Amino acid sequence: MSDNFFYKKLGKKIIKVRERKKISQENLSFSTGLDRTYICRIEKGLANPTLKTIEKIANALKIKLCLLFESI
């Protein structure tokens, strides 16, 4: 499997949690300090975010970092 597969799965997981918590990409962007278009690219699996960036997203979603990596 390619690295892209991992990032696509991670992006889908972020979308699932974000939508379940009714948080828009714009609000997630504001909470993390990341550009909304970058968050969009992460969710589509097109970006290669650092662990620190993924941690910012997890904190903004109020979940443990490890939950984003479950089932990937």
PDB file of N, CA and C in Angstrom:
ATOM      1  N   MET A   1       0.838  -1.186   0.000  1.00  0.00           N
ATOM      2  CA  MET A   1       0.000   0.000   0.000  1.00  0.00           C
ATOM      3  C   MET A   1       0.882   1.248   0.000  1.00  0.00           C
ATOM      4  N   SER A   2       0.428   2.249  -0.656  1.00  0.00           N
ATOM      5  CA  SER A   2       1.214   3.475  -0.744  1.00  0.00           C
ATOM      6  C   SER A   2       0.988   4.357   0.476  1.00  0.00           C
ATOM      7  N   ASP A   3       1.904   5.315   0.645  1.00  0.00           N
ATOM      8  CA  ASP A   3       1.760   6.284   1.736  1.00  0.00           C
ATOM      9  C   ASP A   3       0.457   7.051   1.602  1.00  0.00           C
ATOM     10  N   ASN A   4       0.041   7.293   0.367  1.00  0.00           N
ATOM     11  CA  ASN A   4      -1.177   8.047   0.110  1.00  0.00           C
ATOM     12  C   ASN A   4      -2.391   7.357   0.740  1.00  0.00           C
ATOM     13  N   PHE A   5      -2.375   6.028   0.778  1.00  0.00           N
ATOM     14  CA  PHE A   5      -3.476   5.279   1.385  1.00  0.00           C
ATOM     15  C   PHE A   5      -3.646   5.678   2.844  1.00  0.00           C
ATOM     16  N   PHE A   6      -2.538   5.785   3.570  1.00  0.00           N
ATOM     17  CA  PHE A   6      -2.575   6.182   4.974  1.00  0.00           C
ATOM     18  C   PHE A   6      -3.212   7.562   5.124  1.00  0.00           C
ATOM     19  N   TYR A   7      -2.772   8.512   4.297  1.00  0.00           N
ATOM     20  CA  TYR A   7      -3.282   9.879   4.417  1.00  0.00           C
ATOM     21  C   TYR A   7      -4.741   9.988   4.013  1.00  0.00           C
ATOM     22  N   LYS A   8      -5.180   9.181   3.065  1.00  0.00           N
ATOM     23  CA  LYS A   8      -6.598   9.170   2.694  1.00  0.00           C
ATOM     24  C   LYS A   8      -7.443   8.639   3.856  1.00  0.00           C
ATOM     25  N   LYS A   9      -6.974   7.569   4.501  1.00  0.00           N
ATOM     26  CA  LYS A   9      -7.706   6.997   5.647  1.00  0.00           C
ATOM     27  C   LYS A   9      -7.737   7.992   6.808  1.00  0.00           C
ATOM     28  N   LEU A  10      -6.621   8.645   7.057  1.00  0.00           N
ATOM     29  CA  LEU A  10      -6.551   9.647   8.119  1.00  0.00           C
ATOM     30  C   LEU A  10      -7.524  10.783   7.824  1.00  0.00           C
ATOM     31  N   GLY A  11      -7.536  11.253   6.585  1.00  0.00           N
ATOM     32  CA  GLY A  11      -8.439  12.337   6.194  1.00  0.00           C
ATOM     33  C   GLY A  11      -9.898  11.966   6.388  1.00  0.00           C
ATOM     34  N   LYS A  12     -10.258  10.743   6.007  1.00  0.00           N
ATOM     35  CA  LYS A  12     -11.642  10.284   6.195  1.00  0.00           C
ATOM     36  C   LYS A  12     -12.000  10.238   7.673  1.00  0.00           C
ATOM     37  N   LYS A  13     -11.052   9.841   8.501  1.00  0.00           N
ATOM     38  CA  LYS A  13     -11.298   9.772   9.948  1.00  0.00           C
ATOM     39  C   LYS A  13     -11.512  11.181  10.514  1.00  0.00           C
ATOM     40  N   ILE A  14     -10.717  12.125  10.064  1.00  0.00           N
ATOM     41  CA  ILE A  14     -10.873  13.513  10.527  1.00  0.00           C
ATOM     42  C   ILE A  14     -12.235  14.048  10.110  1.00  0.00           C
ATOM     43  N   ILE A  15     -12.637  13.804   8.875  1.00  0.00           N
ATOM     44  CA  ILE A  15     -13.953  14.253   8.394  1.00  0.00           C
ATOM     45  C   ILE A  15     -15.053  13.644   9.250  1.00  0.00           C
ATOM     46  N   LYS A  16     -14.965  12.355   9.499  1.00  0.00           N
ATOM     47  CA  LYS A  16     -15.991  11.659  10.273  1.00  0.00           C
ATOM     48  C   LYS A  16     -16.155  12.274  11.664  1.00  0.00           C
ATOM     49  N   VAL A  17     -15.042  12.494  12.338  1.00  0.00           N
ATOM     50  CA  VAL A  17     -15.101  13.078  13.683  1.00  0.00           C
ATOM     51  C   VAL A  17     -15.587  14.517  13.620  1.00  0.00           C
ATOM     52  N   ARG A  18     -15.059  15.290  12.674  1.00  0.00           N
ATOM     53  CA  ARG A  18     -15.439  16.697  12.556  1.00  0.00           C
ATOM     54  C   ARG A  18     -16.932  16.842  12.286  1.00  0.00           C
ATOM     55  N   GLU A  19     -17.454  16.041  11.368  1.00  0.00           N
ATOM     56  CA  GLU A  19     -18.877  16.125  11.047  1.00  0.00           C
ATOM     57  C   GLU A  19     -19.744  15.632  12.197  1.00  0.00           C
ATOM     58  N   ARG A  20     -19.292  14.588  12.885  1.00  0.00           N
ATOM     59  CA  ARG A  20     -20.052  14.078  14.030  1.00  0.00           C
ATOM     60  C   ARG A  20     -20.160  15.146  15.121  1.00  0.00           C
ATOM     61  N   LYS A  21     -19.121  15.945  15.259  1.00  0.00           N
ATOM     62  CA  LYS A  21     -19.117  17.007  16.267  1.00  0.00           C
ATOM     63  C   LYS A  21     -19.679  18.324  15.728  1.00  0.00           C
ATOM     64  N   LYS A  22     -20.133  18.286  14.457  1.00  0.00           N
ATOM     65  CA  LYS A  22     -20.740  19.458  13.814  1.00  0.00           C
ATOM     66  C   LYS A  22     -19.792  20.665  13.816  1.00  0.00           C
ATOM     67  N   ILE A  23     -18.554  20.407  13.419  1.00  0.00           N
ATOM     68  CA  ILE A  23     -17.541  21.452  13.314  1.00  0.00           C
ATOM     69  C   ILE A  23     -17.239  21.652  11.832  1.00  0.00           C
ATOM     70  N   SER A  24     -17.308  22.886  11.378  1.00  0.00           N
ATOM     71  CA  SER A  24     -17.003  23.175   9.971  1.00  0.00           C
ATOM     72  C   SER A  24     -15.486  23.204   9.770  1.00  0.00           C
ATOM     73  N   GLN A  25     -15.078  23.103   8.525  1.00  0.00           N
ATOM     74  CA  GLN A  25     -13.650  23.228   8.220  1.00  0.00           C
ATOM     75  C   GLN A  25     -13.150  24.605   8.656  1.00  0.00           C
ATOM     76  N   GLU A  26     -13.982  25.602   8.484  1.00  0.00           N
ATOM     77  CA  GLU A  26     -13.592  26.963   8.869  1.00  0.00           C
ATOM     78  C   GLU A  26     -13.359  27.070  10.374  1.00  0.00           C
ATOM     79  N   ASN A  27     -14.249  26.479  11.164  1.00  0.00           N
ATOM     80  CA  ASN A  27     -14.071  26.515  12.614  1.00  0.00           C
ATOM     81  C   ASN A  27     -12.861  25.690  13.048  1.00  0.00           C
ATOM     82  N   LEU A  28     -12.637  24.562  12.379  1.00  0.00           N
ATOM     83  CA  LEU A  28     -11.461  23.755  12.681  1.00  0.00           C
ATOM     84  C   LEU A  28     -10.196  24.538  12.335  1.00  0.00           C
ATOM     85  N   SER A  29     -10.245  25.252  11.236  1.00  0.00           N
ATOM     86  CA  SER A  29      -9.132  26.098  10.830  1.00  0.00           C
ATOM     87  C   SER A  29      -8.834  27.149  11.896  1.00  0.00           C
ATOM     88  N   PHE A  30      -9.859  27.800  12.382  1.00  0.00           N
ATOM     89  CA  PHE A  30      -9.703  28.828  13.411  1.00  0.00           C
ATOM     90  C   PHE A  30      -9.122  28.231  14.689  1.00  0.00           C
ATOM     91  N   SER A  31      -9.608  27.065  15.089  1.00  0.00           N
ATOM     92  CA  SER A  31      -9.168  26.422  16.330  1.00  0.00           C
ATOM     93  C   SER A  31      -7.728  25.922  16.270  1.00  0.00           C
ATOM     94  N   THR A  32      -7.281  25.543  15.082  1.00  0.00           N
ATOM     95  CA  THR A  32      -5.941  24.983  14.939  1.00  0.00           C
ATOM     96  C   THR A  32      -4.899  26.006  14.498  1.00  0.00           C
ATOM     97  N   GLY A  33      -5.365  27.097  13.902  1.00  0.00           N
ATOM     98  CA  GLY A  33      -4.435  28.067  13.348  1.00  0.00           C
ATOM     99  C   GLY A  33      -3.917  27.648  11.979  1.00  0.00           C
ATOM    100  N   LEU A  34      -4.558  26.630  11.392  1.00  0.00           N
ATOM    101  CA  LEU A  34      -4.172  26.137  10.070  1.00  0.00           C
ATOM    102  C   LEU A  34      -5.095  26.735   9.016  1.00  0.00           C
ATOM    103  N   ASP A  35      -4.589  26.913   7.831  1.00  0.00           N
ATOM    104  CA  ASP A  35      -5.402  27.429   6.739  1.00  0.00           C
ATOM    105  C   ASP A  35      -6.506  26.430   6.377  1.00  0.00           C
ATOM    106  N   ARG A  36      -7.700  26.928   6.073  1.00  0.00           N
ATOM    107  CA  ARG A  36      -8.813  26.048   5.744  1.00  0.00           C
ATOM    108  C   ARG A  36      -8.515  25.189   4.517  1.00  0.00           C
ATOM    109  N   THR A  37      -7.825  25.750   3.540  1.00  0.00           N
ATOM    110  CA  THR A  37      -7.512  24.967   2.348  1.00  0.00           C
ATOM    111  C   THR A  37      -6.535  23.832   2.674  1.00  0.00           C
ATOM    112  N   TYR A  38      -5.656  24.049   3.657  1.00  0.00           N
ATOM    113  CA  TYR A  38      -4.736  22.996   4.079  1.00  0.00           C
ATOM    114  C   TYR A  38      -5.517  21.879   4.768  1.00  0.00           C
ATOM    115  N   ILE A  39      -6.478  22.240   5.594  1.00  0.00           N
ATOM    116  CA  ILE A  39      -7.323  21.233   6.245  1.00  0.00           C
ATOM    117  C   ILE A  39      -8.082  20.437   5.192  1.00  0.00           C
ATOM    118  N   CYS A  40      -8.571  21.120   4.184  1.00  0.00           N
ATOM    119  CA  CYS A  40      -9.266  20.449   3.079  1.00  0.00           C
ATOM    120  C   CYS A  40      -8.343  19.440   2.404  1.00  0.00           C
ATOM    121  N   ARG A  41      -7.105  19.834   2.152  1.00  0.00           N
ATOM    122  CA  ARG A  41      -6.131  18.932   1.528  1.00  0.00           C
ATOM    123  C   ARG A  41      -5.809  17.741   2.429  1.00  0.00           C
ATOM    124  N   ILE A  42      -5.737  17.974   3.732  1.00  0.00           N
ATOM    125  CA  ILE A  42      -5.497  16.873   4.673  1.00  0.00           C
ATOM    126  C   ILE A  42      -6.661  15.893   4.617  1.00  0.00           C
ATOM    127  N   GLU A  43      -7.877  16.420   4.640  1.00  0.00           N
ATOM    128  CA  GLU A  43      -9.063  15.564   4.626  1.00  0.00           C
ATOM    129  C   GLU A  43      -9.186  14.763   3.329  1.00  0.00           C
ATOM    130  N   LYS A  44      -8.685  15.298   2.247  1.00  0.00           N
ATOM    131  CA  LYS A  44      -8.735  14.584   0.967  1.00  0.00           C
ATOM    132  C   LYS A  44      -7.557  13.626   0.796  1.00  0.00           C
ATOM    133  N   GLY A  45      -6.624  13.648   1.756  1.00  0.00           N
ATOM    134  CA  GLY A  45      -5.456  12.771   1.663  1.00  0.00           C
ATOM    135  C   GLY A  45      -4.403  13.289   0.707  1.00  0.00           C
ATOM    136  N   LEU A  46      -4.452  14.578   0.391  1.00  0.00           N
ATOM    137  CA  LEU A  46      -3.519  15.169  -0.561  1.00  0.00           C
ATOM    138  C   LEU A  46      -2.332  15.841   0.103  1.00  0.00           C
ATOM    139  N   ALA A  47      -2.394  16.025   1.422  1.00  0.00           N
ATOM    140  CA  ALA A  47      -1.314  16.674   2.164  1.00  0.00           C
ATOM    141  C   ALA A  47      -0.599  15.642   3.024  1.00  0.00           C
ATOM    142  N   ASN A  48       0.591  15.970   3.432  1.00  0.00           N
ATOM    143  CA  ASN A  48       1.413  15.110   4.255  1.00  0.00           C
ATOM    144  C   ASN A  48       1.670  15.841   5.581  1.00  0.00           C
ATOM    145  N   PRO A  49       0.655  15.891   6.471  1.00  0.00           N
ATOM    146  CA  PRO A  49       0.794  16.683   7.693  1.00  0.00           C
ATOM    147  C   PRO A  49       1.787  16.064   8.668  1.00  0.00           C
ATOM    148  N   THR A  50       2.428  16.920   9.441  1.00  0.00           N
ATOM    149  CA  THR A  50       3.331  16.445  10.485  1.00  0.00           C
ATOM    150  C   THR A  50       2.508  15.915  11.656  1.00  0.00           C
ATOM    151  N   LEU A  51       3.166  15.202  12.524  1.00  0.00           N
ATOM    152  CA  LEU A  51       2.499  14.701  13.721  1.00  0.00           C
ATOM    153  C   LEU A  51       2.000  15.869  14.573  1.00  0.00           C
ATOM    154  N   LYS A  52       2.759  16.945  14.622  1.00  0.00           N
ATOM    155  CA  LYS A  52       2.355  18.133  15.378  1.00  0.00           C
ATOM    156  C   LYS A  52       1.056  18.714  14.805  1.00  0.00           C
ATOM    157  N   THR A  53       0.929  18.731  13.498  1.00  0.00           N
ATOM    158  CA  THR A  53      -0.285  19.234  12.858  1.00  0.00           C
ATOM    159  C   THR A  53      -1.470  18.332  13.175  1.00  0.00           C
ATOM    160  N   ILE A  54      -1.253  17.034  13.119  1.00  0.00           N
ATOM    161  CA  ILE A  54      -2.327  16.080  13.441  1.00  0.00           C
ATOM    162  C   ILE A  54      -2.730  16.231  14.902  1.00  0.00           C
ATOM    163  N   GLU A  55      -1.753  16.497  15.759  1.00  0.00           N
ATOM    164  CA  GLU A  55      -2.038  16.720  17.178  1.00  0.00           C
ATOM    165  C   GLU A  55      -2.897  17.980  17.366  1.00  0.00           C
ATOM    166  N   LYS A  56      -2.612  19.045  16.620  1.00  0.00           N
ATOM    167  CA  LYS A  56      -3.423  20.269  16.684  1.00  0.00           C
ATOM    168  C   LYS A  56      -4.872  19.972  16.302  1.00  0.00           C
ATOM    169  N   ILE A  57      -5.041  19.160  15.263  1.00  0.00           N
ATOM    170  CA  ILE A  57      -6.388  18.802  14.814  1.00  0.00           C
ATOM    171  C   ILE A  57      -7.100  17.987  15.882  1.00  0.00           C
ATOM    172  N   ALA A  58      -6.418  17.006  16.451  1.00  0.00           N
ATOM    173  CA  ALA A  58      -7.018  16.187  17.504  1.00  0.00           C
ATOM    174  C   ALA A  58      -7.419  17.050  18.699  1.00  0.00           C
ATOM    175  N   ASN A  59      -6.568  17.971  19.092  1.00  0.00           N
ATOM    176  CA  ASN A  59      -6.888  18.856  20.215  1.00  0.00           C
ATOM    177  C   ASN A  59      -8.095  19.728  19.903  1.00  0.00           C
ATOM    178  N   ALA A  60      -8.163  20.250  18.689  1.00  0.00           N
ATOM    179  CA  ALA A  60      -9.300  21.090  18.295  1.00  0.00           C
ATOM    180  C   ALA A  60     -10.596  20.283  18.256  1.00  0.00           C
ATOM    181  N   LEU A  61     -10.487  18.994  17.912  1.00  0.00           N
ATOM    182  CA  LEU A  61     -11.664  18.119  17.888  1.00  0.00           C
ATOM    183  C   LEU A  61     -11.982  17.549  19.270  1.00  0.00           C
ATOM    184  N   LYS A  62     -11.105  17.859  20.239  1.00  0.00           N
ATOM    185  CA  LYS A  62     -11.263  17.389  21.623  1.00  0.00           C
ATOM    186  C   LYS A  62     -11.305  15.863  21.714  1.00  0.00           C
ATOM    187  N   ILE A  63     -10.338  15.244  21.005  1.00  0.00           N
ATOM    188  CA  ILE A  63     -10.186  13.797  21.075  1.00  0.00           C
ATOM    189  C   ILE A  63      -8.717  13.471  21.305  1.00  0.00           C
ATOM    190  N   LYS A  64      -8.458  12.251  21.757  1.00  0.00           N
ATOM    191  CA  LYS A  64      -7.081  11.821  21.921  1.00  0.00           C
ATOM    192  C   LYS A  64      -6.457  11.586  20.551  1.00  0.00           C
ATOM    193  N   LEU A  65      -5.205  11.934  20.435  1.00  0.00           N
ATOM    194  CA  LEU A  65      -4.482  11.764  19.170  1.00  0.00           C
ATOM    195  C   LEU A  65      -4.568  10.337  18.654  1.00  0.00           C
ATOM    196  N   CYS A  66      -4.450   9.377  19.545  1.00  0.00           N
ATOM    197  CA  CYS A  66      -4.453   7.962  19.132  1.00  0.00           C
ATOM    198  C   CYS A  66      -5.757   7.553  18.445  1.00  0.00           C
ATOM    199  N   LEU A  67      -6.858   8.245  18.742  1.00  0.00           N
ATOM    200  CA  LEU A  67      -8.137   7.899  18.112  1.00  0.00           C
ATOM    201  C   LEU A  67      -8.124   8.147  16.606  1.00  0.00           C
ATOM    202  N   LEU A  68      -7.319   9.103  16.159  1.00  0.00           N
ATOM    203  CA  LEU A  68      -7.237   9.364  14.730  1.00  0.00           C
ATOM    204  C   LEU A  68      -6.479   8.268  13.995  1.00  0.00           C
ATOM    205  N   PHE A  69      -5.674   7.504  14.726  1.00  0.00           N
ATOM    206  CA  PHE A  69      -4.884   6.445  14.100  1.00  0.00           C
ATOM    207  C   PHE A  69      -5.502   5.052  14.234  1.00  0.00           C
ATOM    208  N   GLU A  70      -6.596   4.947  14.964  1.00  0.00           N
ATOM    209  CA  GLU A  70      -7.267   3.654  15.097  1.00  0.00           C
ATOM    210  C   GLU A  70      -7.791   3.191  13.749  1.00  0.00           C
ATOM    211  N   SER A  71      -7.641   1.919  13.462  1.00  0.00           N
ATOM    212  CA  SER A  71      -8.154   1.279  12.243  1.00  0.00           C
ATOM    213  C   SER A  71      -7.536   1.810  10.960  1.00  0.00           C
ATOM    214  N   ILE A  72      -6.357   2.340  11.048  1.00  0.00           N
ATOM    215  CA  ILE A  72      -5.687   2.827   9.824  1.00  0.00           C
ATOM    216  C   ILE A  72      -4.603   1.824   9.470  1.00  0.00           C
TER     217      ILE A  72
END
